[in-house]
Structure formats: C-alpha cells, structure tokens
Amino acid sequence: MPDAKTSFTQDIPKRISDNPDKAKAVDAIFLFHITGDDGGTWTVNLKDAPGVTDGDAGNAQCTIETTSENWVQISENPAAAMQLYFSGELKVSGDAMLATKLQEILS
C-alpha cells in the first residue's frame, strides 16, 4: 500500500508522464496539504507544465487538505473522497469543482 509521499513523488508523476494529454485535460493546478506520517505539501500542475512539485509552487486553483491515512484511502478508491469530504475529513478550498476532476489522474 503506497503512502502519501510515494503517491506524490512516484505514482502521480508517473501517471502524468504516461498520459500528459489526460493530465492537461484537467487544466488546473492543485495544492495538497497532507498531514501525518509521510505527509507533506505538494503542488500538482495539470495545466501548463504537468508535473508534481514539492511544496507550494503558487497559483493553486484548488487546495486539498487531509491526513496521510485518508490519502491512502483515496488513492486506492477515489470514490472515497466524497465520503471523506462530507464527513469533514477532507477539506477543499478554492474551486471545489476542480477536485471532482482529480479522479481523471488518480485512477
């Protein structure tokens, strides 16, 4: 089971490089704040220069905050994000509609 750090340093960058057109179709920049073990802050650019940057690279249109345990759940089952959001365990700020497009790159 991949942890949050592996997800952002290996899995998501690989998905972006494997299918850059799919990533660019999302057309947004996301900031992730993941707390707990193997957590951190990452910028996922699915717009002009698709890729993942460690830290806050600025210009995020949607910010997502959750724990590393919840992120693992979301990585394994992107549909779990909606349940976590409604239970208050996943916080979304900025353009929340963009968060619904994330499943394109997570699955």
PDB file of N, CA and C in Angstrom:
ATOM      1  N   MET A   1       0.856  -1.179   0.000  1.00  0.00           N
ATOM      2  CA  MET A   1       0.000   0.000   0.000  1.00  0.00           C
ATOM      3  C   MET A   1       0.904   1.245   0.000  1.00  0.00           C
ATOM      4  N   PRO A   2       0.786   2.079  -1.034  1.00  0.00           N
ATOM      5  CA  PRO A   2       1.653   3.255  -1.106  1.00  0.00           C
ATOM      6  C   PRO A   2       1.257   4.310  -0.072  1.00  0.00           C
ATOM      7  N   ASP A   3       2.260   4.993   0.466  1.00  0.00           N
ATOM      8  CA  ASP A   3       1.967   6.074   1.399  1.00  0.00           C
ATOM      9  C   ASP A   3       1.787   7.373   0.607  1.00  0.00           C
ATOM     10  N   ALA A   4       1.433   8.441   1.308  1.00  0.00           N
ATOM     11  CA  ALA A   4       1.172   9.714   0.632  1.00  0.00           C
ATOM     12  C   ALA A   4       2.414  10.218  -0.104  1.00  0.00           C
ATOM     13  N   LYS A   5       3.565  10.119   0.547  1.00  0.00           N
ATOM     14  CA  LYS A   5       4.793  10.626  -0.076  1.00  0.00           C
ATOM     15  C   LYS A   5       5.088   9.892  -1.386  1.00  0.00           C
ATOM     16  N   THR A   6       4.973   8.573  -1.374  1.00  0.00           N
ATOM     17  CA  THR A   6       5.198   7.787  -2.590  1.00  0.00           C
ATOM     18  C   THR A   6       4.191   8.167  -3.669  1.00  0.00           C
ATOM     19  N   SER A   7       2.977   8.416  -3.250  1.00  0.00           N
ATOM     20  CA  SER A   7       1.923   8.801  -4.183  1.00  0.00           C
ATOM     21  C   SER A   7       2.323  10.064  -4.957  1.00  0.00           C
ATOM     22  N   PHE A   8       2.861  11.063  -4.236  1.00  0.00           N
ATOM     23  CA  PHE A   8       3.198  12.340  -4.869  1.00  0.00           C
ATOM     24  C   PHE A   8       4.574  12.370  -5.517  1.00  0.00           C
ATOM     25  N   THR A   9       5.492  11.509  -5.048  1.00  0.00           N
ATOM     26  CA  THR A   9       6.840  11.528  -5.616  1.00  0.00           C
ATOM     27  C   THR A   9       7.016  10.519  -6.743  1.00  0.00           C
ATOM     28  N   GLN A  10       6.165   9.495  -6.792  1.00  0.00           N
ATOM     29  CA  GLN A  10       6.318   8.462  -7.821  1.00  0.00           C
ATOM     30  C   GLN A  10       5.047   8.195  -8.613  1.00  0.00           C
ATOM     31  N   ASP A  11       3.960   7.844  -7.936  1.00  0.00           N
ATOM     32  CA  ASP A  11       2.747   7.384  -8.623  1.00  0.00           C
ATOM     33  C   ASP A  11       2.099   8.457  -9.500  1.00  0.00           C
ATOM     34  N   ILE A  12       1.800   9.615  -8.924  1.00  0.00           N
ATOM     35  CA  ILE A  12       1.137  10.667  -9.699  1.00  0.00           C
ATOM     36  C   ILE A  12       2.050  11.192 -10.812  1.00  0.00           C
ATOM     37  N   PRO A  13       3.343  11.463 -10.541  1.00  0.00           N
ATOM     38  CA  PRO A  13       4.205  11.895 -11.657  1.00  0.00           C
ATOM     39  C   PRO A  13       4.245  10.871 -12.802  1.00  0.00           C
ATOM     40  N   LYS A  14       4.222   9.567 -12.461  1.00  0.00           N
ATOM     41  CA  LYS A  14       4.236   8.539 -13.499  1.00  0.00           C
ATOM     42  C   LYS A  14       2.940   8.592 -14.310  1.00  0.00           C
ATOM     43  N   ARG A  15       1.814   8.742 -13.645  1.00  0.00           N
ATOM     44  CA  ARG A  15       0.534   8.818 -14.361  1.00  0.00           C
ATOM     45  C   ARG A  15       0.516  10.030 -15.294  1.00  0.00           C
ATOM     46  N   ILE A  16       1.077  11.144 -14.816  1.00  0.00           N
ATOM     47  CA  ILE A  16       1.123  12.355 -15.647  1.00  0.00           C
ATOM     48  C   ILE A  16       2.018  12.124 -16.859  1.00  0.00           C
ATOM     49  N   SER A  17       3.203  11.558 -16.652  1.00  0.00           N
ATOM     50  CA  SER A  17       4.121  11.358 -17.774  1.00  0.00           C
ATOM     51  C   SER A  17       3.615  10.276 -18.733  1.00  0.00           C
ATOM     52  N   ASP A  18       2.892   9.291 -18.207  1.00  0.00           N
ATOM     53  CA  ASP A  18       2.337   8.242 -19.065  1.00  0.00           C
ATOM     54  C   ASP A  18       1.208   8.768 -19.950  1.00  0.00           C
ATOM     55  N   ASN A  19       0.502   9.783 -19.472  1.00  0.00           N
ATOM     56  CA  ASN A  19      -0.646  10.295 -20.226  1.00  0.00           C
ATOM     57  C   ASN A  19      -0.763  11.811 -20.057  1.00  0.00           C
ATOM     58  N   PRO A  20       0.196  12.585 -20.612  1.00  0.00           N
ATOM     59  CA  PRO A  20       0.184  14.035 -20.423  1.00  0.00           C
ATOM     60  C   PRO A  20      -1.055  14.723 -20.983  1.00  0.00           C
ATOM     61  N   ASP A  21      -1.645  14.173 -22.037  1.00  0.00           N
ATOM     62  CA  ASP A  21      -2.850  14.787 -22.598  1.00  0.00           C
ATOM     63  C   ASP A  21      -4.024  14.689 -21.632  1.00  0.00           C
ATOM     64  N   LYS A  22      -4.132  13.555 -20.946  1.00  0.00           N
ATOM     65  CA  LYS A  22      -5.192  13.371 -19.946  1.00  0.00           C
ATOM     66  C   LYS A  22      -4.983  14.356 -18.796  1.00  0.00           C
ATOM     67  N   ALA A  23      -3.724  14.534 -18.377  1.00  0.00           N
ATOM     68  CA  ALA A  23      -3.412  15.475 -17.300  1.00  0.00           C
ATOM     69  C   ALA A  23      -3.778  16.900 -17.711  1.00  0.00           C
ATOM     70  N   LYS A  24      -3.368  17.290 -18.921  1.00  0.00           N
ATOM     71  CA  LYS A  24      -3.655  18.654 -19.382  1.00  0.00           C
ATOM     72  C   LYS A  24      -5.152  18.895 -19.560  1.00  0.00           C
ATOM     73  N   ALA A  25      -5.905  17.835 -19.831  1.00  0.00           N
ATOM     74  CA  ALA A  25      -7.356  17.972 -19.997  1.00  0.00           C
ATOM     75  C   ALA A  25      -8.020  18.422 -18.696  1.00  0.00           C
ATOM     76  N   VAL A  26      -7.411  18.085 -17.549  1.00  0.00           N
ATOM     77  CA  VAL A  26      -7.943  18.528 -16.255  1.00  0.00           C
ATOM     78  C   VAL A  26      -7.793  20.048 -16.154  1.00  0.00           C
ATOM     79  N   ASP A  27      -6.680  20.577 -16.670  1.00  0.00           N
ATOM     80  CA  ASP A  27      -6.446  22.012 -16.814  1.00  0.00           C
ATOM     81  C   ASP A  27      -6.575  22.788 -15.503  1.00  0.00           C
ATOM     82  N   ALA A  28      -5.847  22.339 -14.486  1.00  0.00           N
ATOM     83  CA  ALA A  28      -5.899  23.018 -13.196  1.00  0.00           C
ATOM     84  C   ALA A  28      -4.624  22.760 -12.410  1.00  0.00           C
ATOM     85  N   ILE A  29      -4.375  23.625 -11.423  1.00  0.00           N
ATOM     86  CA  ILE A  29      -3.234  23.466 -10.521  1.00  0.00           C
ATOM     87  C   ILE A  29      -3.789  23.231  -9.119  1.00  0.00           C
ATOM     88  N   PHE A  30      -3.333  22.153  -8.501  1.00  0.00           N
ATOM     89  CA  PHE A  30      -3.810  21.752  -7.174  1.00  0.00           C
ATOM     90  C   PHE A  30      -2.692  21.854  -6.147  1.00  0.00           C
ATOM     91  N   LEU A  31      -3.060  22.210  -4.927  1.00  0.00           N
ATOM     92  CA  LEU A  31      -2.128  22.197  -3.810  1.00  0.00           C
ATOM     93  C   LEU A  31      -2.659  21.174  -2.808  1.00  0.00           C
ATOM     94  N   PHE A  32      -1.793  20.275  -2.389  1.00  0.00           N
ATOM     95  CA  PHE A  32      -2.167  19.251  -1.419  1.00  0.00           C
ATOM     96  C   PHE A  32      -1.394  19.456  -0.133  1.00  0.00           C
ATOM     97  N   HIS A  33      -2.126  19.514   0.987  1.00  0.00           N
ATOM     98  CA  HIS A  33      -1.527  19.533   2.325  1.00  0.00           C
ATOM     99  C   HIS A  33      -1.932  18.210   2.966  1.00  0.00           C
ATOM    100  N   ILE A  34      -0.955  17.328   3.110  1.00  0.00           N
ATOM    101  CA  ILE A  34      -1.226  16.019   3.701  1.00  0.00           C
ATOM    102  C   ILE A  34      -0.520  15.971   5.055  1.00  0.00           C
ATOM    103  N   THR A  35      -1.290  15.723   6.108  1.00  0.00           N
ATOM    104  CA  THR A  35      -0.732  15.699   7.456  1.00  0.00           C
ATOM    105  C   THR A  35      -0.475  14.268   7.904  1.00  0.00           C
ATOM    106  N   GLY A  36       0.351  14.109   8.926  1.00  0.00           N
ATOM    107  CA  GLY A  36       0.625  12.788   9.481  1.00  0.00           C
ATOM    108  C   GLY A  36       1.884  12.181   8.888  1.00  0.00           C
ATOM    109  N   ASP A  37       2.086  10.892   9.158  1.00  0.00           N
ATOM    110  CA  ASP A  37       3.264  10.169   8.675  1.00  0.00           C
ATOM    111  C   ASP A  37       3.343  10.237   7.152  1.00  0.00           C
ATOM    112  N   ASP A  38       4.527  10.514   6.636  1.00  0.00           N
ATOM    113  CA  ASP A  38       4.773  10.601   5.193  1.00  0.00           C
ATOM    114  C   ASP A  38       3.946  11.687   4.519  1.00  0.00           C
ATOM    115  N   GLY A  39       3.470  12.634   5.304  1.00  0.00           N
ATOM    116  CA  GLY A  39       2.709  13.743   4.743  1.00  0.00           C
ATOM    117  C   GLY A  39       3.642  14.799   4.183  1.00  0.00           C
ATOM    118  N   GLY A  40       3.058  15.877   3.741  1.00  0.00           N
ATOM    119  CA  GLY A  40       3.830  16.976   3.186  1.00  0.00           C
ATOM    120  C   GLY A  40       2.929  17.884   2.382  1.00  0.00           C
ATOM    121  N   THR A  41       3.557  18.786   1.663  1.00  0.00           N
ATOM    122  CA  THR A  41       2.837  19.714   0.804  1.00  0.00           C
ATOM    123  C   THR A  41       3.363  19.554  -0.612  1.00  0.00           C
ATOM    124  N   TRP A  42       2.452  19.377  -1.554  1.00  0.00           N
ATOM    125  CA  TRP A  42       2.838  19.201  -2.954  1.00  0.00           C
ATOM    126  C   TRP A  42       1.917  20.014  -3.849  1.00  0.00           C
ATOM    127  N   THR A  43       2.490  20.516  -4.941  1.00  0.00           N
ATOM    128  CA  THR A  43       1.713  21.171  -5.983  1.00  0.00           C
ATOM    129  C   THR A  43       1.634  20.214  -7.167  1.00  0.00           C
ATOM    130  N   VAL A  44       0.422  19.948  -7.615  1.00  0.00           N
ATOM    131  CA  VAL A  44       0.217  19.092  -8.780  1.00  0.00           C
ATOM    132  C   VAL A  44      -0.307  19.983  -9.905  1.00  0.00           C
ATOM    133  N   ASN A  45       0.545  20.188 -10.911  1.00  0.00           N
ATOM    134  CA  ASN A  45       0.198  21.045 -12.035  1.00  0.00           C
ATOM    135  C   ASN A  45      -0.338  20.171 -13.158  1.00  0.00           C
ATOM    136  N   LEU A  46      -1.604  20.339 -13.464  1.00  0.00           N
ATOM    137  CA  LEU A  46      -2.226  19.617 -14.572  1.00  0.00           C
ATOM    138  C   LEU A  46      -2.670  20.642 -15.616  1.00  0.00           C
ATOM    139  N   LYS A  47      -1.859  21.694 -15.740  1.00  0.00           N
ATOM    140  CA  LYS A  47      -2.232  22.790 -16.627  1.00  0.00           C
ATOM    141  C   LYS A  47      -1.143  23.026 -17.650  1.00  0.00           C
ATOM    142  N   ASP A  48      -0.279  24.000 -17.404  1.00  0.00           N
ATOM    143  CA  ASP A  48       0.695  24.428 -18.399  1.00  0.00           C
ATOM    144  C   ASP A  48       1.981  23.612 -18.410  1.00  0.00           C
ATOM    145  N   ALA A  49       2.399  23.115 -17.260  1.00  0.00           N
ATOM    146  CA  ALA A  49       3.625  22.307 -17.189  1.00  0.00           C
ATOM    147  C   ALA A  49       3.335  21.108 -16.302  1.00  0.00           C
ATOM    148  N   PRO A  50       2.611  20.111 -16.826  1.00  0.00           N
ATOM    149  CA  PRO A  50       2.173  18.995 -15.980  1.00  0.00           C
ATOM    150  C   PRO A  50       3.317  18.339 -15.210  1.00  0.00           C
ATOM    151  N   GLY A  51       3.062  18.168 -13.909  1.00  0.00           N
ATOM    152  CA  GLY A  51       4.048  17.534 -13.045  1.00  0.00           C
ATOM    153  C   GLY A  51       3.730  17.803 -11.588  1.00  0.00           C
ATOM    154  N   VAL A  52       4.578  17.270 -10.710  1.00  0.00           N
ATOM    155  CA  VAL A  52       4.402  17.425  -9.265  1.00  0.00           C
ATOM    156  C   VAL A  52       5.634  18.127  -8.709  1.00  0.00           C
ATOM    157  N   THR A  53       5.399  19.170  -7.900  1.00  0.00           N
ATOM    158  CA  THR A  53       6.471  19.932  -7.274  1.00  0.00           C
ATOM    159  C   THR A  53       6.345  19.788  -5.767  1.00  0.00           C
ATOM    160  N   ASP A  54       7.470  19.600  -5.092  1.00  0.00           N
ATOM    161  CA  ASP A  54       7.480  19.542  -3.640  1.00  0.00           C
ATOM    162  C   ASP A  54       7.234  20.948  -3.109  1.00  0.00           C
ATOM    163  N   GLY A  55       6.282  21.089  -2.196  1.00  0.00           N
ATOM    164  CA  GLY A  55       5.978  22.394  -1.613  1.00  0.00           C
ATOM    165  C   GLY A  55       4.912  23.143  -2.392  1.00  0.00           C
ATOM    166  N   ASP A  56       4.705  24.383  -1.994  1.00  0.00           N
ATOM    167  CA  ASP A  56       3.689  25.236  -2.605  1.00  0.00           C
ATOM    168  C   ASP A  56       4.344  26.058  -3.706  1.00  0.00           C
ATOM    169  N   ALA A  57       4.049  25.705  -4.950  1.00  0.00           N
ATOM    170  CA  ALA A  57       4.634  26.401  -6.095  1.00  0.00           C
ATOM    171  C   ALA A  57       3.818  27.639  -6.480  1.00  0.00           C
ATOM    172  N   GLY A  58       2.728  27.890  -5.763  1.00  0.00           N
ATOM    173  CA  GLY A  58       1.896  29.054  -6.055  1.00  0.00           C
ATOM    174  C   GLY A  58       0.890  28.763  -7.160  1.00  0.00           C
ATOM    175  N   ASN A  59      -0.022  29.684  -7.347  1.00  0.00           N
ATOM    176  CA  ASN A  59      -1.038  29.634  -8.408  1.00  0.00           C
ATOM    177  C   ASN A  59      -2.042  28.491  -8.297  1.00  0.00           C
ATOM    178  N   ALA A  60      -2.153  27.846  -7.140  1.00  0.00           N
ATOM    179  CA  ALA A  60      -3.114  26.743  -6.999  1.00  0.00           C
ATOM    180  C   ALA A  60      -4.535  27.288  -7.122  1.00  0.00           C
ATOM    181  N   GLN A  61      -5.347  26.568  -7.881  1.00  0.00           N
ATOM    182  CA  GLN A  61      -6.750  26.937  -8.051  1.00  0.00           C
ATOM    183  C   GLN A  61      -7.646  26.174  -7.082  1.00  0.00           C
ATOM    184  N   CYS A  62      -7.104  25.078  -6.545  1.00  0.00           N
ATOM    185  CA  CYS A  62      -7.864  24.232  -5.623  1.00  0.00           C
ATOM    186  C   CYS A  62      -6.879  23.645  -4.615  1.00  0.00           C
ATOM    187  N   THR A  63      -7.192  23.782  -3.332  1.00  0.00           N
ATOM    188  CA  THR A  63      -6.338  23.246  -2.269  1.00  0.00           C
ATOM    189  C   THR A  63      -7.089  22.132  -1.562  1.00  0.00           C
ATOM    190  N   ILE A  64      -6.390  21.024  -1.350  1.00  0.00           N
ATOM    191  CA  ILE A  64      -6.983  19.852  -0.710  1.00  0.00           C
ATOM    192  C   ILE A  64      -6.163  19.512   0.522  1.00  0.00           C
ATOM    193  N   GLU A  65      -6.843  19.362   1.655  1.00  0.00           N
ATOM    194  CA  GLU A  65      -6.175  19.032   2.910  1.00  0.00           C
ATOM    195  C   GLU A  65      -6.810  17.786   3.508  1.00  0.00           C
ATOM    196  N   THR A  66      -5.945  16.840   3.916  1.00  0.00           N
ATOM    197  CA  THR A  66      -6.417  15.631   4.579  1.00  0.00           C
ATOM    198  C   THR A  66      -5.232  14.953   5.263  1.00  0.00           C
ATOM    199  N   THR A  67      -5.494  13.848   5.937  1.00  0.00           N
ATOM    200  CA  THR A  67      -4.415  13.101   6.596  1.00  0.00           C
ATOM    201  C   THR A  67      -3.808  12.100   5.606  1.00  0.00           C
ATOM    202  N   SER A  68      -2.625  11.626   5.943  1.00  0.00           N
ATOM    203  CA  SER A  68      -1.986  10.630   5.069  1.00  0.00           C
ATOM    204  C   SER A  68      -2.809   9.339   5.020  1.00  0.00           C
ATOM    205  N   GLU A  69      -3.454   8.965   6.124  1.00  0.00           N
ATOM    206  CA  GLU A  69      -4.284   7.762   6.130  1.00  0.00           C
ATOM    207  C   GLU A  69      -5.448   7.914   5.159  1.00  0.00           C
ATOM    208  N   ASN A  70      -6.081   9.085   5.182  1.00  0.00           N
ATOM    209  CA  ASN A  70      -7.189   9.328   4.265  1.00  0.00           C
ATOM    210  C   ASN A  70      -6.697   9.368   2.819  1.00  0.00           C
ATOM    211  N   TRP A  71      -5.498   9.921   2.597  1.00  0.00           N
ATOM    212  CA  TRP A  71      -4.977   9.988   1.233  1.00  0.00           C
ATOM    213  C   TRP A  71      -4.762   8.581   0.669  1.00  0.00           C
ATOM    214  N   VAL A  72      -4.284   7.667   1.494  1.00  0.00           N
ATOM    215  CA  VAL A  72      -4.092   6.284   1.049  1.00  0.00           C
ATOM    216  C   VAL A  72      -5.447   5.698   0.627  1.00  0.00           C
ATOM    217  N   GLN A  73      -6.480   5.965   1.422  1.00  0.00           N
ATOM    218  CA  GLN A  73      -7.837   5.502   1.085  1.00  0.00           C
ATOM    219  C   GLN A  73      -8.270   6.054  -0.269  1.00  0.00           C
ATOM    220  N   ILE A  74      -8.050   7.344  -0.484  1.00  0.00           N
ATOM    221  CA  ILE A  74      -8.444   7.999  -1.730  1.00  0.00           C
ATOM    222  C   ILE A  74      -7.650   7.427  -2.909  1.00  0.00           C
ATOM    223  N   SER A  75      -6.370   7.172  -2.694  1.00  0.00           N
ATOM    224  CA  SER A  75      -5.528   6.625  -3.764  1.00  0.00           C
ATOM    225  C   SER A  75      -6.013   5.247  -4.200  1.00  0.00           C
ATOM    226  N   GLU A  76      -6.468   4.463  -3.237  1.00  0.00           N
ATOM    227  CA  GLU A  76      -6.934   3.114  -3.548  1.00  0.00           C
ATOM    228  C   GLU A  76      -8.352   3.121  -4.100  1.00  0.00           C
ATOM    229  N   ASN A  77      -9.148   4.099  -3.670  1.00  0.00           N
ATOM    230  CA  ASN A  77     -10.546   4.173  -4.087  1.00  0.00           C
ATOM    231  C   ASN A  77     -10.942   5.644  -4.190  1.00  0.00           C
ATOM    232  N   PRO A  78     -10.715   6.279  -5.363  1.00  0.00           N
ATOM    233  CA  PRO A  78     -11.008   7.708  -5.497  1.00  0.00           C
ATOM    234  C   PRO A  78     -12.429   8.099  -5.099  1.00  0.00           C
ATOM    235  N   ALA A  79     -13.367   7.177  -5.185  1.00  0.00           N
ATOM    236  CA  ALA A  79     -14.747   7.475  -4.794  1.00  0.00           C
ATOM    237  C   ALA A  79     -14.862   7.763  -3.295  1.00  0.00           C
ATOM    238  N   ALA A  80     -13.897   7.306  -2.501  1.00  0.00           N
ATOM    239  CA  ALA A  80     -13.920   7.537  -1.049  1.00  0.00           C
ATOM    240  C   ALA A  80     -13.777   9.020  -0.725  1.00  0.00           C
ATOM    241  N   ALA A  81     -13.228   9.797  -1.648  1.00  0.00           N
ATOM    242  CA  ALA A  81     -13.009  11.229  -1.396  1.00  0.00           C
ATOM    243  C   ALA A  81     -14.309  11.952  -1.050  1.00  0.00           C
ATOM    244  N   MET A  82     -15.380  11.628  -1.734  1.00  0.00           N
ATOM    245  CA  MET A  82     -16.658  12.303  -1.497  1.00  0.00           C
ATOM    246  C   MET A  82     -17.146  12.031  -0.079  1.00  0.00           C
ATOM    247  N   GLN A  83     -17.036  10.788   0.371  1.00  0.00           N
ATOM    248  CA  GLN A  83     -17.457  10.433   1.725  1.00  0.00           C
ATOM    249  C   GLN A  83     -16.595  11.166   2.753  1.00  0.00           C
ATOM    250  N   LEU A  84     -15.285  11.217   2.519  1.00  0.00           N
ATOM    251  CA  LEU A  84     -14.380  11.914   3.438  1.00  0.00           C
ATOM    252  C   LEU A  84     -14.678  13.417   3.461  1.00  0.00           C
ATOM    253  N   TYR A  85     -15.017  13.955   2.310  1.00  0.00           N
ATOM    254  CA  TYR A  85     -15.357  15.383   2.226  1.00  0.00           C
ATOM    255  C   TYR A  85     -16.595  15.688   3.074  1.00  0.00           C
ATOM    256  N   PHE A  86     -17.638  14.891   2.898  1.00  0.00           N
ATOM    257  CA  PHE A  86     -18.877  15.147   3.632  1.00  0.00           C
ATOM    258  C   PHE A  86     -18.756  14.864   5.119  1.00  0.00           C
ATOM    259  N   SER A  87     -17.780  14.045   5.510  1.00  0.00           N
ATOM    260  CA  SER A  87     -17.581  13.784   6.941  1.00  0.00           C
ATOM    261  C   SER A  87     -16.610  14.799   7.553  1.00  0.00           C
ATOM    262  N   GLY A  88     -16.102  15.737   6.733  1.00  0.00           N
ATOM    263  CA  GLY A  88     -15.209  16.775   7.240  1.00  0.00           C
ATOM    264  C   GLY A  88     -13.755  16.352   7.341  1.00  0.00           C
ATOM    265  N   GLU A  89     -13.418  15.159   6.859  1.00  0.00           N
ATOM    266  CA  GLU A  89     -12.048  14.667   6.951  1.00  0.00           C
ATOM    267  C   GLU A  89     -11.203  15.046   5.737  1.00  0.00           C
ATOM    268  N   LEU A  90     -11.844  15.634   4.733  1.00  0.00           N
ATOM    269  CA  LEU A  90     -11.171  16.112   3.534  1.00  0.00           C
ATOM    270  C   LEU A  90     -11.658  17.533   3.316  1.00  0.00           C
ATOM    271  N   LYS A  91     -10.725  18.489   3.357  1.00  0.00           N
ATOM    272  CA  LYS A  91     -11.105  19.893   3.197  1.00  0.00           C
ATOM    273  C   LYS A  91     -10.677  20.363   1.816  1.00  0.00           C
ATOM    274  N   VAL A  92     -11.568  21.055   1.140  1.00  0.00           N
ATOM    275  CA  VAL A  92     -11.292  21.585  -0.194  1.00  0.00           C
ATOM    276  C   VAL A  92     -11.555  23.080  -0.167  1.00  0.00           C
ATOM    277  N   SER A  93     -10.575  23.860  -0.619  1.00  0.00           N
ATOM    278  CA  SER A  93     -10.783  25.299  -0.728  1.00  0.00           C
ATOM    279  C   SER A  93     -10.406  25.745  -2.131  1.00  0.00           C
ATOM    280  N   GLY A  94     -10.881  26.917  -2.490  1.00  0.00           N
ATOM    281  CA  GLY A  94     -10.686  27.370  -3.870  1.00  0.00           C
ATOM    282  C   GLY A  94     -11.824  26.824  -4.715  1.00  0.00           C
ATOM    283  N   ASP A  95     -11.535  26.455  -5.945  1.00  0.00           N
ATOM    284  CA  ASP A  95     -12.549  25.947  -6.866  1.00  0.00           C
ATOM    285  C   ASP A  95     -12.804  24.464  -6.589  1.00  0.00           C
ATOM    286  N   ALA A  96     -13.814  24.197  -5.765  1.00  0.00           N
ATOM    287  CA  ALA A  96     -14.102  22.822  -5.346  1.00  0.00           C
ATOM    288  C   ALA A  96     -14.509  21.936  -6.520  1.00  0.00           C
ATOM    289  N   MET A  97     -15.078  22.512  -7.562  1.00  0.00           N
ATOM    290  CA  MET A  97     -15.475  21.704  -8.719  1.00  0.00           C
ATOM    291  C   MET A  97     -14.261  21.063  -9.393  1.00  0.00           C
ATOM    292  N   LEU A  98     -13.105  21.701  -9.286  1.00  0.00           N
ATOM    293  CA  LEU A  98     -11.894  21.128  -9.875  1.00  0.00           C
ATOM    294  C   LEU A  98     -11.516  19.819  -9.191  1.00  0.00           C
ATOM    295  N   ALA A  99     -11.817  19.717  -7.894  1.00  0.00           N
ATOM    296  CA  ALA A  99     -11.479  18.498  -7.146  1.00  0.00           C
ATOM    297  C   ALA A  99     -12.163  17.280  -7.761  1.00  0.00           C
ATOM    298  N   THR A 100     -13.340  17.476  -8.344  1.00  0.00           N
ATOM    299  CA  THR A 100     -14.042  16.347  -8.949  1.00  0.00           C
ATOM    300  C   THR A 100     -13.308  15.836 -10.184  1.00  0.00           C
ATOM    301  N   LYS A 101     -12.467  16.659 -10.789  1.00  0.00           N
ATOM    302  CA  LYS A 101     -11.718  16.233 -11.973  1.00  0.00           C
ATOM    303  C   LYS A 101     -10.465  15.421 -11.617  1.00  0.00           C
ATOM    304  N   LEU A 102     -10.080  15.445 -10.349  1.00  0.00           N
ATOM    305  CA  LEU A 102      -8.868  14.738  -9.936  1.00  0.00           C
ATOM    306  C   LEU A 102      -8.912  13.245 -10.214  1.00  0.00           C
ATOM    307  N   GLN A 103     -10.082  12.674 -10.198  1.00  0.00           N
ATOM    308  CA  GLN A 103     -10.218  11.239 -10.422  1.00  0.00           C
ATOM    309  C   GLN A 103      -9.612  10.865 -11.782  1.00  0.00           C
ATOM    310  N   GLU A 104      -9.605  11.799 -12.729  1.00  0.00           N
ATOM    311  CA  GLU A 104      -9.025  11.546 -14.047  1.00  0.00           C
ATOM    312  C   GLU A 104      -7.569  11.107 -13.956  1.00  0.00           C
ATOM    313  N   ILE A 105      -6.838  11.697 -13.020  1.00  0.00           N
ATOM    314  CA  ILE A 105      -5.405  11.424 -12.931  1.00  0.00           C
ATOM    315  C   ILE A 105      -5.101  10.405 -11.823  1.00  0.00           C
ATOM    316  N   LEU A 106      -6.037  10.197 -10.897  1.00  0.00           N
ATOM    317  CA  LEU A 106      -5.792   9.262  -9.795  1.00  0.00           C
ATOM    318  C   LEU A 106      -6.126   7.828 -10.171  1.00  0.00           C
ATOM    319  N   SER A 107      -7.002   7.663 -11.143  1.00  0.00           N
ATOM    320  CA  SER A 107      -7.416   6.284 -11.466  1.00  0.00           C
ATOM    321  C   SER A 107      -6.769   5.781 -12.731  1.00  0.00           C
TER     322      SER A 107
END
